[in-house]
Amino acid sequence: MTQVKKLWPILTGTHRYDKSLSTRGHGKGTLIDVPLLAYLIETSNGRILYDTGCDYNKIADEVKRKQFYESEGFAFGAPSMNKEDRLENHLAELGLKKEDVDLVFCSHLHFDAAGGLNEMKHAEVHVHQKELDSAKALEDEAYFAEDFNGPINWRTYDKEYEILPGVRAVETPGHSAGHASLFIELRKGKPILLAGDAADLIENIEKEIAPGLCWDNNEEIALESIRKLKRLSVETGSEIWPNHDMKHFKSKKRVSNYFS
């Protein structure tokens, strides 16, 4: 039986960029506003955070903002993130402190998924070994070494596993070397597949379009991960949640509410 009690989607900021960054080879010239999400999963055996959003300090500090976001690799600049968007403030809305999070599960270690790790140094941080290796080698510009080179309590894995009953890691490489999605079985309703950046938009899933950035420029690996999520969705009756789809996010309840 699942140990999942509640699930909260958390909006940690937004970013405006060219749609082709989400849909490889499609939508160039169209700007879209996307949500930067984390998810809090409360279980009968502790709390899990799926991703952590951006590092607020790199956005708010003028020097750091210029260093990290004003470069050739970031043509669309820094995300929009206010002080209120920091994880600790979202958690406070729920009557929690960041120390109440026991485990952080990283879909991958790009800046918009792992930037908040510096606020979660007390927790176990689960990440695929291939992802950690790729990030430390800075294999693409979306990795910021400062996000993950500190004293982090890493727990690496190299194959799919059950974190606890009702929560399972799903290997979905392609956007990055060791990207992972998360299968969550709720006590009521359909299970949920948090796609992470394996699928930014509903369009990635329905039309089987790879994300704009593919590890090692290998589109086929990313497409196979999308197909894998679709197969798993059919097999389990689960609903796939894309990671950067504003319309989809707005159709779901915000941090003040929850699914259970």
Protein backbone atom coordinates (compact mmCIF):
# COMPACT_ATOMS: atom_id res chain seq x y z
CA MET A 1 0.00 0.00 0.00
CA THR A 2 1.24 3.46 -0.84
CA GLN A 3 2.72 5.59 1.93
CA VAL A 4 1.94 8.83 0.06
CA LYS A 5 -0.42 11.09 2.00
CA LYS A 6 -0.29 14.41 0.10
CA LEU A 7 1.30 16.01 -2.94
CA TRP A 8 1.84 19.74 -3.46
CA PRO A 9 3.03 21.30 -6.76
CA ILE A 10 5.16 24.36 -5.88
CA LEU A 11 5.80 27.27 -8.25
CA THR A 12 9.35 28.47 -7.52
CA GLY A 13 9.57 30.99 -10.37
CA THR A 14 8.96 31.46 -14.08
CA HIS A 15 11.08 31.81 -17.20
CA ARG A 16 10.36 33.31 -20.62
CA TYR A 17 12.22 31.80 -23.54
CA ASP A 18 11.97 30.60 -27.12
CA LYS A 19 9.62 27.63 -27.40
CA SER A 20 12.24 25.62 -29.32
CA LEU A 21 14.10 25.24 -26.00
CA SER A 22 11.24 22.99 -24.94
CA THR A 23 10.25 21.49 -28.31
CA ARG A 24 13.30 20.52 -30.31
CA GLY A 25 13.04 21.77 -33.88
CA HIS A 26 9.59 23.26 -33.31
CA GLY A 27 8.30 26.70 -32.32
CA LYS A 28 11.37 28.79 -33.04
CA GLY A 29 10.55 32.49 -32.77
CA THR A 30 7.67 31.98 -30.33
CA LEU A 31 8.26 33.10 -26.75
CA ILE A 32 6.57 31.15 -23.97
CA ASP A 33 6.30 31.67 -20.22
CA VAL A 34 7.04 28.49 -18.31
CA PRO A 35 6.70 27.51 -14.64
CA LEU A 36 9.74 26.35 -12.67
CA LEU A 37 8.36 23.66 -10.42
CA ALA A 38 9.19 21.60 -7.38
CA TYR A 39 6.90 19.07 -5.70
CA LEU A 40 6.52 18.25 -2.04
CA ILE A 41 5.41 14.71 -1.29
CA GLU A 42 4.29 13.97 2.25
CA THR A 43 4.39 10.32 3.22
CA SER A 44 3.79 8.35 6.38
CA ASN A 45 7.57 7.96 6.56
CA GLY A 46 8.77 11.53 5.97
CA ARG A 47 8.73 14.25 3.30
CA ILE A 48 10.26 14.10 -0.18
CA LEU A 49 11.01 17.10 -2.36
CA TYR A 50 11.23 16.50 -6.11
CA ASP A 51 13.59 19.18 -7.45
CA THR A 52 14.38 22.50 -5.80
CA GLY A 53 14.08 25.24 -8.42
CA CYS A 54 16.68 27.98 -8.98
CA ASP A 55 19.13 29.57 -6.59
CA TYR A 56 17.54 32.87 -5.58
CA ASN A 57 20.91 34.44 -4.80
CA LYS A 58 22.13 34.03 -8.39
CA ILE A 59 19.07 35.90 -9.62
CA ALA A 60 18.79 38.62 -6.96
CA ASP A 61 22.48 39.51 -6.74
CA GLU A 62 23.46 41.74 -9.66
CA VAL A 63 27.04 40.42 -9.86
CA LYS A 64 26.00 36.77 -9.75
CA ARG A 65 23.13 37.36 -12.16
CA LYS A 66 25.55 38.76 -14.70
CA GLN A 67 28.05 35.96 -14.09
CA PHE A 68 25.59 33.12 -14.51
CA TYR A 69 22.85 34.38 -16.81
CA GLU A 70 24.28 37.08 -19.04
CA SER A 71 26.23 34.88 -21.41
CA GLU A 72 25.99 33.42 -24.89
CA GLY A 73 24.46 30.26 -23.47
CA PHE A 74 21.59 32.23 -21.88
CA ALA A 75 20.16 34.33 -24.67
CA PHE A 76 16.91 34.79 -22.73
CA GLY A 77 18.48 35.80 -19.44
CA ALA A 78 17.63 34.84 -15.88
CA PRO A 79 14.33 33.38 -14.70
CA SER A 80 11.91 35.55 -12.72
CA MET A 81 12.08 34.68 -9.04
CA ASN A 82 11.06 36.80 -6.07
CA LYS A 83 12.12 36.37 -2.47
CA GLU A 84 8.67 34.94 -1.77
CA ASP A 85 9.36 32.18 -4.30
CA ARG A 86 12.14 30.64 -2.21
CA LEU A 87 11.36 27.15 -1.01
CA GLU A 88 11.50 28.10 2.64
CA ASN A 89 8.66 30.58 2.11
CA HIS A 90 6.49 28.07 0.28
CA LEU A 91 7.12 25.55 3.04
CA ALA A 92 6.21 28.16 5.66
CA GLU A 93 2.80 28.51 3.97
CA LEU A 94 2.30 24.84 4.82
CA GLY A 95 3.47 25.30 8.40
CA LEU A 96 6.82 23.66 7.66
CA LYS A 97 10.50 24.52 7.85
CA LYS A 98 13.02 23.40 5.23
CA GLU A 99 14.45 21.05 7.88
CA ASP A 100 11.12 19.19 7.74
CA VAL A 101 12.11 17.87 4.30
CA ASP A 102 13.87 14.53 4.77
CA LEU A 103 14.84 13.64 1.22
CA VAL A 104 15.43 15.55 -2.01
CA PHE A 105 15.05 13.60 -5.25
CA CYS A 106 16.71 15.39 -8.17
CA SER A 107 15.30 14.78 -11.62
CA HIS A 108 18.61 16.21 -12.85
CA LEU A 109 21.12 18.87 -11.84
CA HIS A 110 20.47 21.76 -14.22
CA PHE A 111 20.21 25.23 -12.67
CA ASP A 112 16.40 25.32 -12.63
CA ALA A 113 16.06 21.94 -10.93
CA ALA A 114 18.99 21.87 -8.49
CA GLY A 115 19.64 25.53 -7.70
CA GLY A 116 17.90 25.24 -4.34
CA LEU A 117 20.10 22.40 -3.12
CA ASN A 118 22.12 24.94 -1.15
CA GLU A 119 19.05 25.36 1.09
CA MET A 120 18.63 21.61 1.65
CA LYS A 121 22.04 20.55 2.94
CA HIS A 122 20.46 18.76 5.90
CA ALA A 123 18.55 16.27 3.72
CA GLU A 124 19.55 13.16 1.80
CA VAL A 125 19.87 14.07 -1.89
CA HIS A 126 19.14 11.27 -4.35
CA VAL A 127 20.50 11.54 -7.90
CA HIS A 128 21.48 9.13 -10.65
CA GLN A 129 25.22 8.46 -10.71
CA LYS A 130 25.40 9.26 -14.42
CA GLU A 131 23.75 12.61 -13.75
CA LEU A 132 26.15 13.53 -10.98
CA ASP A 133 29.13 12.57 -13.14
CA SER A 134 27.81 14.61 -16.07
CA ALA A 135 27.09 17.62 -13.88
CA LYS A 136 30.50 17.63 -12.24
CA ALA A 137 32.06 17.43 -15.72
CA LEU A 138 29.87 20.43 -16.72
CA GLU A 139 28.81 18.65 -19.88
CA ASP A 140 26.43 21.46 -20.82
CA GLU A 141 25.88 25.11 -19.93
CA ALA A 142 22.79 24.46 -17.82
CA TYR A 143 24.95 23.02 -15.03
CA PHE A 144 26.22 25.54 -12.47
CA ALA A 145 29.02 23.94 -10.45
CA GLU A 146 28.28 26.22 -7.51
CA ASP A 147 24.88 24.54 -7.09
CA PHE A 148 26.21 21.09 -6.25
CA ASN A 149 29.88 21.27 -5.33
CA GLY A 150 29.27 22.00 -1.65
CA PRO A 151 28.84 19.58 1.26
CA ILE A 152 25.78 17.70 -0.01
CA ASN A 153 24.57 14.42 1.46
CA TRP A 154 24.51 12.51 -1.85
CA ARG A 155 22.79 9.14 -2.25
CA THR A 156 23.50 7.98 -5.80
CA TYR A 157 21.81 5.12 -7.65
CA ASP A 158 22.37 3.41 -10.99
CA LYS A 159 19.04 1.69 -11.66
CA GLU A 160 15.35 2.21 -11.01
CA TYR A 161 14.26 1.68 -7.42
CA GLU A 162 11.42 2.21 -4.98
CA ILE A 163 12.17 5.08 -2.62
CA LEU A 164 9.33 3.89 -0.41
CA PRO A 165 5.96 2.25 -1.11
CA GLY A 166 4.14 4.46 -3.60
CA VAL A 167 7.17 6.44 -4.80
CA ARG A 168 9.46 5.03 -7.49
CA ALA A 169 12.34 6.44 -9.51
CA VAL A 170 11.95 6.04 -13.28
CA GLU A 171 15.03 6.39 -15.48
CA THR A 172 14.29 8.84 -18.33
CA PRO A 173 17.65 9.95 -19.76
CA GLY A 174 17.93 12.14 -22.82
CA HIS A 175 17.47 15.72 -21.69
CA SER A 176 20.47 14.98 -19.48
CA ALA A 177 22.67 11.95 -18.93
CA GLY A 178 20.94 10.62 -15.82
CA HIS A 179 17.57 12.32 -15.84
CA ALA A 180 14.85 10.63 -13.77
CA SER A 181 11.10 10.98 -13.49
CA LEU A 182 9.04 10.00 -10.45
CA PHE A 183 6.04 7.66 -10.21
CA ILE A 184 3.71 8.58 -7.34
CA GLU A 185 0.79 6.43 -6.24
CA LEU A 186 -1.86 8.42 -4.40
CA ARG A 187 -4.36 6.95 -1.97
CA LYS A 188 -7.18 8.27 -4.15
CA GLY A 189 -7.34 8.89 -7.87
CA LYS A 190 -4.88 8.15 -10.64
CA PRO A 191 -1.17 7.74 -9.97
CA ILE A 192 0.97 10.63 -11.19
CA LEU A 193 4.11 10.51 -13.30
CA LEU A 194 6.19 13.62 -12.70
CA ALA A 195 8.01 13.77 -16.02
CA GLY A 196 10.60 16.34 -15.02
CA ASP A 197 12.36 17.74 -18.06
CA ALA A 198 11.87 14.52 -19.99
CA ALA A 199 8.73 16.34 -21.19
CA ASP A 200 8.45 20.11 -20.77
CA LEU A 201 5.05 20.48 -22.41
CA ILE A 202 1.97 18.37 -23.10
CA GLU A 203 3.04 18.77 -26.74
CA ASN A 204 6.25 16.83 -26.05
CA ILE A 205 4.13 13.90 -24.91
CA GLU A 206 1.28 13.98 -27.41
CA LYS A 207 3.44 14.61 -30.49
CA GLU A 208 6.55 12.81 -29.19
CA ILE A 209 8.85 15.81 -29.56
CA ALA A 210 12.19 15.77 -27.75
CA PRO A 211 13.16 18.62 -25.41
CA GLY A 212 15.28 21.32 -27.00
CA LEU A 213 18.41 20.40 -25.07
CA CYS A 214 19.43 16.76 -25.47
CA TRP A 215 22.41 15.18 -23.76
CA ASP A 216 25.21 14.47 -26.21
CA ASN A 217 22.86 15.91 -28.86
CA ASN A 218 21.14 12.50 -28.94
CA GLU A 219 17.49 13.11 -29.71
CA GLU A 220 16.58 9.43 -29.92
CA ILE A 221 17.40 8.73 -26.25
CA ALA A 222 15.09 11.58 -25.23
CA LEU A 223 12.31 10.33 -27.50
CA GLU A 224 12.58 6.82 -26.09
CA SER A 225 12.15 8.23 -22.58
CA ILE A 226 8.97 10.01 -23.67
CA ARG A 227 7.67 6.76 -25.16
CA LYS A 228 8.62 4.95 -21.95
CA LEU A 229 6.57 7.41 -19.89
CA LYS A 230 3.62 6.92 -22.23
CA ARG A 231 3.87 3.13 -21.95
CA LEU A 232 4.08 3.33 -18.16
CA SER A 233 1.10 5.66 -18.12
CA VAL A 234 -0.99 3.10 -20.01
CA GLU A 235 0.24 0.19 -17.89
CA THR A 236 -0.46 1.90 -14.56
CA GLY A 237 -3.35 4.18 -15.45
CA SER A 238 -1.24 7.14 -14.37
CA GLU A 239 -1.33 10.74 -15.54
CA ILE A 240 1.87 12.31 -16.93
CA TRP A 241 2.62 15.78 -15.63
CA PRO A 242 4.96 17.82 -17.86
CA ASN A 243 7.41 20.08 -16.07
CA HIS A 244 7.26 23.45 -17.84
CA ASP A 245 3.71 23.71 -19.18
CA MET A 246 2.00 26.81 -17.77
CA LYS A 247 -1.49 25.84 -18.93
CA HIS A 248 -1.15 22.40 -17.38
CA PHE A 249 0.20 23.84 -14.14
CA LYS A 250 -2.64 26.34 -13.86
CA SER A 251 -5.11 23.50 -14.27
CA LYS A 252 -3.74 21.94 -11.08
CA LYS A 253 -4.11 23.18 -7.55
CA ARG A 254 -1.46 25.55 -6.20
CA VAL A 255 0.78 25.22 -3.16
CA SER A 256 -2.02 26.15 -0.75
CA ASN A 257 -3.93 23.05 -1.82
CA TYR A 258 -3.01 19.43 -2.30
CA PHE A 259 -3.79 16.13 -3.95
CA SER A 260 -4.29 13.18 -1.61
